[in-house]
Amino acid sequence: MATPPLHFDNAPIREAIIAIQVHDLPDSIVAEFGKLPQEVKDTYPKSTTMSLGQFVGEISPQRTTTSAHQKSLGLQFNSAD
């Protein structure tokens, strides 16, 4: 017996997550992305910078090492609602 598909009375009209992943870009191109929040602020007034922080530590009888790294991942834009 097949299960009937779900139907939501108040389903969202539109909602999407779009992720575009690229290799590391030159600083000149990254600077161009910095202009995007101003260009799309009428449609997507909320913007957030996303970054990745990484900490690696090793403790052993021979030595102790640590390293930390932070990298910008991109921008996130949200509509007002």
PDB file of N, CA and C in Angstrom:
ATOM      1  N   MET A   1       0.844  -1.178   0.000  1.00  0.00           N
ATOM      2  CA  MET A   1       0.000   0.000   0.000  1.00  0.00           C
ATOM      3  C   MET A   1       0.889   1.241   0.000  1.00  0.00           C
ATOM      4  N   ALA A   2       0.688   2.100  -0.955  1.00  0.00           N
ATOM      5  CA  ALA A   2       1.496   3.311  -1.073  1.00  0.00           C
ATOM      6  C   ALA A   2       1.041   4.359  -0.066  1.00  0.00           C
ATOM      7  N   THR A   3       2.014   5.076   0.476  1.00  0.00           N
ATOM      8  CA  THR A   3       1.711   6.160   1.417  1.00  0.00           C
ATOM      9  C   THR A   3       1.394   7.414   0.618  1.00  0.00           C
ATOM     10  N   PRO A   4       0.294   8.090   0.899  1.00  0.00           N
ATOM     11  CA  PRO A   4      -0.018   9.317   0.155  1.00  0.00           C
ATOM     12  C   PRO A   4       1.016  10.400   0.457  1.00  0.00           C
ATOM     13  N   PRO A   5       1.331  11.251  -0.523  1.00  0.00           N
ATOM     14  CA  PRO A   5       2.309  12.315  -0.290  1.00  0.00           C
ATOM     15  C   PRO A   5       1.801  13.306   0.757  1.00  0.00           C
ATOM     16  N   LEU A   6       2.753  13.905   1.478  1.00  0.00           N
ATOM     17  CA  LEU A   6       2.391  14.914   2.478  1.00  0.00           C
ATOM     18  C   LEU A   6       1.905  16.183   1.807  1.00  0.00           C
ATOM     19  N   HIS A   7       0.937  16.815   2.414  1.00  0.00           N
ATOM     20  CA  HIS A   7       0.460  18.111   1.934  1.00  0.00           C
ATOM     21  C   HIS A   7       0.376  19.051   3.129  1.00  0.00           C
ATOM     22  N   PHE A   8       1.012  20.197   3.000  1.00  0.00           N
ATOM     23  CA  PHE A   8       0.990  21.204   4.058  1.00  0.00           C
ATOM     24  C   PHE A   8       0.049  22.332   3.643  1.00  0.00           C
ATOM     25  N   ASP A   9      -0.903  22.652   4.497  1.00  0.00           N
ATOM     26  CA  ASP A   9      -1.869  23.697   4.187  1.00  0.00           C
ATOM     27  C   ASP A   9      -1.214  25.060   4.013  1.00  0.00           C
ATOM     28  N   ASN A  10      -0.188  25.340   4.799  1.00  0.00           N
ATOM     29  CA  ASN A  10       0.486  26.640   4.739  1.00  0.00           C
ATOM     30  C   ASN A  10       1.947  26.465   4.333  1.00  0.00           C
ATOM     31  N   ALA A  11       2.147  25.746   3.260  1.00  0.00           N
ATOM     32  CA  ALA A  11       3.514  25.506   2.790  1.00  0.00           C
ATOM     33  C   ALA A  11       4.182  26.817   2.385  1.00  0.00           C
ATOM     34  N   PRO A  12       5.501  26.910   2.588  1.00  0.00           N
ATOM     35  CA  PRO A  12       6.182  28.139   2.174  1.00  0.00           C
ATOM     36  C   PRO A  12       6.094  28.330   0.657  1.00  0.00           C
ATOM     37  N   ILE A  13       5.924  29.560   0.274  1.00  0.00           N
ATOM     38  CA  ILE A  13       5.820  29.862  -1.149  1.00  0.00           C
ATOM     39  C   ILE A  13       7.174  29.666  -1.824  1.00  0.00           C
ATOM     40  N   ARG A  14       8.233  30.153  -1.168  1.00  0.00           N
ATOM     41  CA  ARG A  14       9.557  29.982  -1.741  1.00  0.00           C
ATOM     42  C   ARG A  14      10.606  30.026  -0.637  1.00  0.00           C
ATOM     43  N   GLU A  15      11.531  29.168  -0.762  1.00  0.00           N
ATOM     44  CA  GLU A  15      12.633  29.124   0.180  1.00  0.00           C
ATOM     45  C   GLU A  15      13.712  28.267  -0.456  1.00  0.00           C
ATOM     46  N   ALA A  16      14.953  28.711  -0.383  1.00  0.00           N
ATOM     47  CA  ALA A  16      16.028  27.946  -1.003  1.00  0.00           C
ATOM     48  C   ALA A  16      17.347  28.230  -0.306  1.00  0.00           C
ATOM     49  N   ILE A  17      18.193  27.268  -0.378  1.00  0.00           N
ATOM     50  CA  ILE A  17      19.577  27.439   0.049  1.00  0.00           C
ATOM     51  C   ILE A  17      20.430  27.198  -1.175  1.00  0.00           C
ATOM     52  N   ILE A  18      21.215  28.179  -1.528  1.00  0.00           N
ATOM     53  CA  ILE A  18      22.091  28.053  -2.689  1.00  0.00           C
ATOM     54  C   ILE A  18      23.517  28.196  -2.189  1.00  0.00           C
ATOM     55  N   ALA A  19      24.318  27.187  -2.399  1.00  0.00           N
ATOM     56  CA  ALA A  19      25.713  27.219  -1.974  1.00  0.00           C
ATOM     57  C   ALA A  19      26.592  27.007  -3.197  1.00  0.00           C
ATOM     58  N   ILE A  20      27.502  27.917  -3.410  1.00  0.00           N
ATOM     59  CA  ILE A  20      28.446  27.811  -4.515  1.00  0.00           C
ATOM     60  C   ILE A  20      29.829  27.699  -3.896  1.00  0.00           C
ATOM     61  N   GLN A  21      30.498  26.600  -4.163  1.00  0.00           N
ATOM     62  CA  GLN A  21      31.820  26.388  -3.591  1.00  0.00           C
ATOM     63  C   GLN A  21      32.870  26.481  -4.693  1.00  0.00           C
ATOM     64  N   VAL A  22      33.935  27.218  -4.408  1.00  0.00           N
ATOM     65  CA  VAL A  22      35.038  27.379  -5.357  1.00  0.00           C
ATOM     66  C   VAL A  22      36.351  27.224  -4.600  1.00  0.00           C
ATOM     67  N   HIS A  23      37.413  27.022  -5.348  1.00  0.00           N
ATOM     68  CA  HIS A  23      38.735  26.957  -4.731  1.00  0.00           C
ATOM     69  C   HIS A  23      39.099  28.330  -4.182  1.00  0.00           C
ATOM     70  N   ASP A  24      40.149  28.403  -3.384  1.00  0.00           N
ATOM     71  CA  ASP A  24      40.588  29.684  -2.842  1.00  0.00           C
ATOM     72  C   ASP A  24      40.782  30.690  -3.973  1.00  0.00           C
ATOM     73  N   LEU A  25      40.302  31.894  -3.750  1.00  0.00           N
ATOM     74  CA  LEU A  25      40.348  32.934  -4.769  1.00  0.00           C
ATOM     75  C   LEU A  25      41.428  33.961  -4.449  1.00  0.00           C
ATOM     76  N   PRO A  26      41.930  34.640  -5.459  1.00  0.00           N
ATOM     77  CA  PRO A  26      42.880  35.727  -5.209  1.00  0.00           C
ATOM     78  C   PRO A  26      42.217  36.849  -4.406  1.00  0.00           C
ATOM     79  N   ASP A  27      43.010  37.580  -3.637  1.00  0.00           N
ATOM     80  CA  ASP A  27      42.485  38.657  -2.801  1.00  0.00           C
ATOM     81  C   ASP A  27      41.702  39.692  -3.602  1.00  0.00           C
ATOM     82  N   SER A  28      42.087  39.946  -4.849  1.00  0.00           N
ATOM     83  CA  SER A  28      41.392  40.952  -5.660  1.00  0.00           C
ATOM     84  C   SER A  28      39.944  40.534  -5.926  1.00  0.00           C
ATOM     85  N   ILE A  29      39.697  39.271  -6.132  1.00  0.00           N
ATOM     86  CA  ILE A  29      38.338  38.803  -6.385  1.00  0.00           C
ATOM     87  C   ILE A  29      37.539  38.783  -5.090  1.00  0.00           C
ATOM     88  N   VAL A  30      38.185  38.403  -3.996  1.00  0.00           N
ATOM     89  CA  VAL A  30      37.508  38.398  -2.702  1.00  0.00           C
ATOM     90  C   VAL A  30      37.043  39.807  -2.356  1.00  0.00           C
ATOM     91  N   ALA A  31      37.842  40.820  -2.681  1.00  0.00           N
ATOM     92  CA  ALA A  31      37.451  42.213  -2.440  1.00  0.00           C
ATOM     93  C   ALA A  31      36.192  42.570  -3.226  1.00  0.00           C
ATOM     94  N   GLU A  32      36.044  42.037  -4.424  1.00  0.00           N
ATOM     95  CA  GLU A  32      34.846  42.290  -5.225  1.00  0.00           C
ATOM     96  C   GLU A  32      33.604  41.711  -4.546  1.00  0.00           C
ATOM     97  N   PHE A  33      33.733  40.542  -3.909  1.00  0.00           N
ATOM     98  CA  PHE A  33      32.608  39.955  -3.188  1.00  0.00           C
ATOM     99  C   PHE A  33      32.167  40.840  -2.037  1.00  0.00           C
ATOM    100  N   GLY A  34      33.073  41.641  -1.510  1.00  0.00           N
ATOM    101  CA  GLY A  34      32.727  42.545  -0.424  1.00  0.00           C
ATOM    102  C   GLY A  34      31.699  43.588  -0.820  1.00  0.00           C
ATOM    103  N   LYS A  35      31.535  43.821  -2.105  1.00  0.00           N
ATOM    104  CA  LYS A  35      30.559  44.793  -2.609  1.00  0.00           C
ATOM    105  C   LYS A  35      29.144  44.213  -2.687  1.00  0.00           C
ATOM    106  N   LEU A  36      29.020  42.901  -2.644  1.00  0.00           N
ATOM    107  CA  LEU A  36      27.709  42.266  -2.816  1.00  0.00           C
ATOM    108  C   LEU A  36      26.648  42.705  -1.813  1.00  0.00           C
ATOM    109  N   PRO A  37      26.953  42.820  -0.512  1.00  0.00           N
ATOM    110  CA  PRO A  37      25.877  43.214   0.412  1.00  0.00           C
ATOM    111  C   PRO A  37      25.172  44.501   0.018  1.00  0.00           C
ATOM    112  N   GLN A  38      25.904  45.471  -0.477  1.00  0.00           N
ATOM    113  CA  GLN A  38      25.281  46.738  -0.890  1.00  0.00           C
ATOM    114  C   GLN A  38      24.429  46.564  -2.146  1.00  0.00           C
ATOM    115  N   GLU A  39      24.867  45.671  -3.027  1.00  0.00           N
ATOM    116  CA  GLU A  39      24.158  45.484  -4.291  1.00  0.00           C
ATOM    117  C   GLU A  39      22.850  44.696  -4.137  1.00  0.00           C
ATOM    118  N   VAL A  40      22.745  43.857  -3.120  1.00  0.00           N
ATOM    119  CA  VAL A  40      21.546  43.028  -2.953  1.00  0.00           C
ATOM    120  C   VAL A  40      20.751  43.396  -1.706  1.00  0.00           C
ATOM    121  N   LYS A  41      21.081  44.520  -1.060  1.00  0.00           N
ATOM    122  CA  LYS A  41      20.455  44.852   0.227  1.00  0.00           C
ATOM    123  C   LYS A  41      18.947  45.084   0.136  1.00  0.00           C
ATOM    124  N   ASP A  42      18.418  45.467  -1.031  1.00  0.00           N
ATOM    125  CA  ASP A  42      16.975  45.653  -1.152  1.00  0.00           C
ATOM    126  C   ASP A  42      16.232  44.312  -1.025  1.00  0.00           C
ATOM    127  N   THR A  43      16.786  43.268  -1.600  1.00  0.00           N
ATOM    128  CA  THR A  43      16.164  41.950  -1.557  1.00  0.00           C
ATOM    129  C   THR A  43      16.609  41.145  -0.339  1.00  0.00           C
ATOM    130  N   TYR A  44      17.903  41.262  -0.001  1.00  0.00           N
ATOM    131  CA  TYR A  44      18.483  40.503   1.119  1.00  0.00           C
ATOM    132  C   TYR A  44      19.163  41.472   2.080  1.00  0.00           C
ATOM    133  N   PRO A  45      18.395  42.102   2.961  1.00  0.00           N
ATOM    134  CA  PRO A  45      18.964  43.136   3.827  1.00  0.00           C
ATOM    135  C   PRO A  45      19.881  42.613   4.931  1.00  0.00           C
ATOM    136  N   LYS A  46      19.785  41.341   5.250  1.00  0.00           N
ATOM    137  CA  LYS A  46      20.622  40.773   6.307  1.00  0.00           C
ATOM    138  C   LYS A  46      21.791  40.016   5.681  1.00  0.00           C
ATOM    139  N   SER A  47      23.006  40.383   6.056  1.00  0.00           N
ATOM    140  CA  SER A  47      24.166  39.659   5.550  1.00  0.00           C
ATOM    141  C   SER A  47      25.117  39.359   6.704  1.00  0.00           C
ATOM    142  N   THR A  48      25.757  38.223   6.611  1.00  0.00           N
ATOM    143  CA  THR A  48      26.668  37.763   7.641  1.00  0.00           C
ATOM    144  C   THR A  48      27.907  37.179   6.981  1.00  0.00           C
ATOM    145  N   THR A  49      29.060  37.481   7.536  1.00  0.00           N
ATOM    146  CA  THR A  49      30.297  36.877   7.061  1.00  0.00           C
ATOM    147  C   THR A  49      30.472  35.535   7.750  1.00  0.00           C
ATOM    148  N   MET A  50      30.775  34.507   6.977  1.00  0.00           N
ATOM    149  CA  MET A  50      30.995  33.179   7.541  1.00  0.00           C
ATOM    150  C   MET A  50      32.486  32.881   7.521  1.00  0.00           C
ATOM    151  N   SER A  51      32.974  32.312   8.611  1.00  0.00           N
ATOM    152  CA  SER A  51      34.389  31.958   8.668  1.00  0.00           C
ATOM    153  C   SER A  51      34.554  30.628   9.390  1.00  0.00           C
ATOM    154  N   LEU A  52      35.721  30.052   9.212  1.00  0.00           N
ATOM    155  CA  LEU A  52      36.054  28.778   9.829  1.00  0.00           C
ATOM    156  C   LEU A  52      37.267  28.985  10.716  1.00  0.00           C
ATOM    157  N   GLY A  53      37.150  28.594  11.964  1.00  0.00           N
ATOM    158  CA  GLY A  53      38.282  28.650  12.885  1.00  0.00           C
ATOM    159  C   GLY A  53      38.716  27.237  13.222  1.00  0.00           C
ATOM    160  N   GLN A  54      40.019  27.022  13.234  1.00  0.00           N
ATOM    161  CA  GLN A  54      40.530  25.691  13.508  1.00  0.00           C
ATOM    162  C   GLN A  54      41.686  25.789  14.488  1.00  0.00           C
ATOM    163  N   PHE A  55      41.649  24.949  15.506  1.00  0.00           N
ATOM    164  CA  PHE A  55      42.726  24.874  16.488  1.00  0.00           C
ATOM    165  C   PHE A  55      43.155  23.419  16.582  1.00  0.00           C
ATOM    166  N   VAL A  56      44.455  23.182  16.478  1.00  0.00           N
ATOM    167  CA  VAL A  56      44.993  21.829  16.574  1.00  0.00           C
ATOM    168  C   VAL A  56      46.063  21.828  17.657  1.00  0.00           C
ATOM    169  N   GLY A  57      45.963  20.889  18.559  1.00  0.00           N
ATOM    170  CA  GLY A  57      46.956  20.763  19.624  1.00  0.00           C
ATOM    171  C   GLY A  57      47.395  19.325  19.793  1.00  0.00           C
ATOM    172  N   GLU A  58      48.654  19.138  20.118  1.00  0.00           N
ATOM    173  CA  GLU A  58      49.189  17.801  20.366  1.00  0.00           C
ATOM    174  C   GLU A  58      50.036  17.848  21.622  1.00  0.00           C
ATOM    175  N   ILE A  59      49.749  16.955  22.526  1.00  0.00           N
ATOM    176  CA  ILE A  59      50.518  16.868  23.765  1.00  0.00           C
ATOM    177  C   ILE A  59      51.060  15.449  23.850  1.00  0.00           C
ATOM    178  N   SER A  60      52.363  15.347  23.948  1.00  0.00           N
ATOM    179  CA  SER A  60      52.995  14.043  24.096  1.00  0.00           C
ATOM    180  C   SER A  60      54.218  14.206  25.001  1.00  0.00           C
ATOM    181  N   PRO A  61      54.777  13.115  25.489  1.00  0.00           N
ATOM    182  CA  PRO A  61      55.964  13.240  26.346  1.00  0.00           C
ATOM    183  C   PRO A  61      57.151  13.889  25.636  1.00  0.00           C
ATOM    184  N   GLN A  62      57.221  13.746  24.326  1.00  0.00           N
ATOM    185  CA  GLN A  62      58.350  14.300  23.578  1.00  0.00           C
ATOM    186  C   GLN A  62      58.208  15.802  23.305  1.00  0.00           C
ATOM    187  N   ARG A  63      56.975  16.239  23.038  1.00  0.00           N
ATOM    188  CA  ARG A  63      56.789  17.659  22.685  1.00  0.00           C
ATOM    189  C   ARG A  63      55.318  18.040  22.770  1.00  0.00           C
ATOM    190  N   THR A  64      55.091  19.335  22.764  1.00  0.00           N
ATOM    191  CA  THR A  64      53.746  19.891  22.725  1.00  0.00           C
ATOM    192  C   THR A  64      53.705  20.881  21.569  1.00  0.00           C
ATOM    193  N   THR A  65      52.725  20.733  20.690  1.00  0.00           N
ATOM    194  CA  THR A  65      52.594  21.650  19.562  1.00  0.00           C
ATOM    195  C   THR A  65      51.155  22.152  19.470  1.00  0.00           C
ATOM    196  N   THR A  66      51.013  23.359  19.006  1.00  0.00           N
ATOM    197  CA  THR A  66      49.693  23.937  18.774  1.00  0.00           C
ATOM    198  C   THR A  66      49.729  24.757  17.494  1.00  0.00           C
ATOM    199  N   SER A  67      48.582  24.869  16.869  1.00  0.00           N
ATOM    200  CA  SER A  67      48.448  25.773  15.726  1.00  0.00           C
ATOM    201  C   SER A  67      47.001  26.240  15.658  1.00  0.00           C
ATOM    202  N   ALA A  68      46.817  27.427  15.159  1.00  0.00           N
ATOM    203  CA  ALA A  68      45.479  27.993  15.001  1.00  0.00           C
ATOM    204  C   ALA A  68      45.386  28.618  13.615  1.00  0.00           C
ATOM    205  N   HIS A  69      44.200  28.548  13.050  1.00  0.00           N
ATOM    206  CA  HIS A  69      43.999  29.078  11.701  1.00  0.00           C
ATOM    207  C   HIS A  69      42.561  29.564  11.577  1.00  0.00           C
ATOM    208  N   GLN A  70      42.381  30.715  10.948  1.00  0.00           N
ATOM    209  CA  GLN A  70      41.039  31.214  10.666  1.00  0.00           C
ATOM    210  C   GLN A  70      40.968  31.562   9.189  1.00  0.00           C
ATOM    211  N   LYS A  71      39.868  31.173   8.566  1.00  0.00           N
ATOM    212  CA  LYS A  71      39.713  31.364   7.125  1.00  0.00           C
ATOM    213  C   LYS A  71      38.315  31.882   6.831  1.00  0.00           C
ATOM    214  N   SER A  72      38.221  32.851   5.943  1.00  0.00           N
ATOM    215  CA  SER A  72      36.920  33.353   5.518  1.00  0.00           C
ATOM    216  C   SER A  72      36.310  32.359   4.542  1.00  0.00           C
ATOM    217  N   LEU A  73      35.051  31.991   4.802  1.00  0.00           N
ATOM    218  CA  LEU A  73      34.369  31.028   3.929  1.00  0.00           C
ATOM    219  C   LEU A  73      33.427  31.687   2.937  1.00  0.00           C
ATOM    220  N   GLY A  74      32.863  32.819   3.304  1.00  0.00           N
ATOM    221  CA  GLY A  74      31.949  33.468   2.382  1.00  0.00           C
ATOM    222  C   GLY A  74      30.951  34.370   3.073  1.00  0.00           C
ATOM    223  N   LEU A  75      29.895  34.666   2.355  1.00  0.00           N
ATOM    224  CA  LEU A  75      28.859  35.559   2.842  1.00  0.00           C
ATOM    225  C   LEU A  75      27.525  34.816   2.848  1.00  0.00           C
ATOM    226  N   GLN A  76      26.694  35.137   3.810  1.00  0.00           N
ATOM    227  CA  GLN A  76      25.345  34.568   3.874  1.00  0.00           C
ATOM    228  C   GLN A  76      24.368  35.728   3.806  1.00  0.00           C
ATOM    229  N   PHE A  77      23.387  35.622   2.901  1.00  0.00           N
ATOM    230  CA  PHE A  77      22.376  36.668   2.733  1.00  0.00           C
ATOM    231  C   PHE A  77      21.008  36.107   3.102  1.00  0.00           C
ATOM    232  N   ASN A  78      20.224  36.890   3.839  1.00  0.00           N
ATOM    233  CA  ASN A  78      18.871  36.483   4.229  1.00  0.00           C
ATOM    234  C   ASN A  78      17.887  37.602   3.902  1.00  0.00           C
ATOM    235  N   SER A  79      16.693  37.193   3.527  1.00  0.00           N
ATOM    236  CA  SER A  79      15.640  38.176   3.314  1.00  0.00           C
ATOM    237  C   SER A  79      15.121  38.645   4.673  1.00  0.00           C
ATOM    238  N   ALA A  80      14.331  39.679   4.681  1.00  0.00           N
ATOM    239  CA  ALA A  80      13.843  40.251   5.938  1.00  0.00           C
ATOM    240  C   ALA A  80      12.924  39.276   6.686  1.00  0.00           C
ATOM    241  N   ASP A  81      12.243  38.428   5.956  1.00  0.00           N
ATOM    242  CA  ASP A  81      11.326  37.487   6.616  1.00  0.00           C
ATOM    243  C   ASP A  81      11.946  36.110   6.757  1.00  0.00           C
TER     244      ASP A  81
END
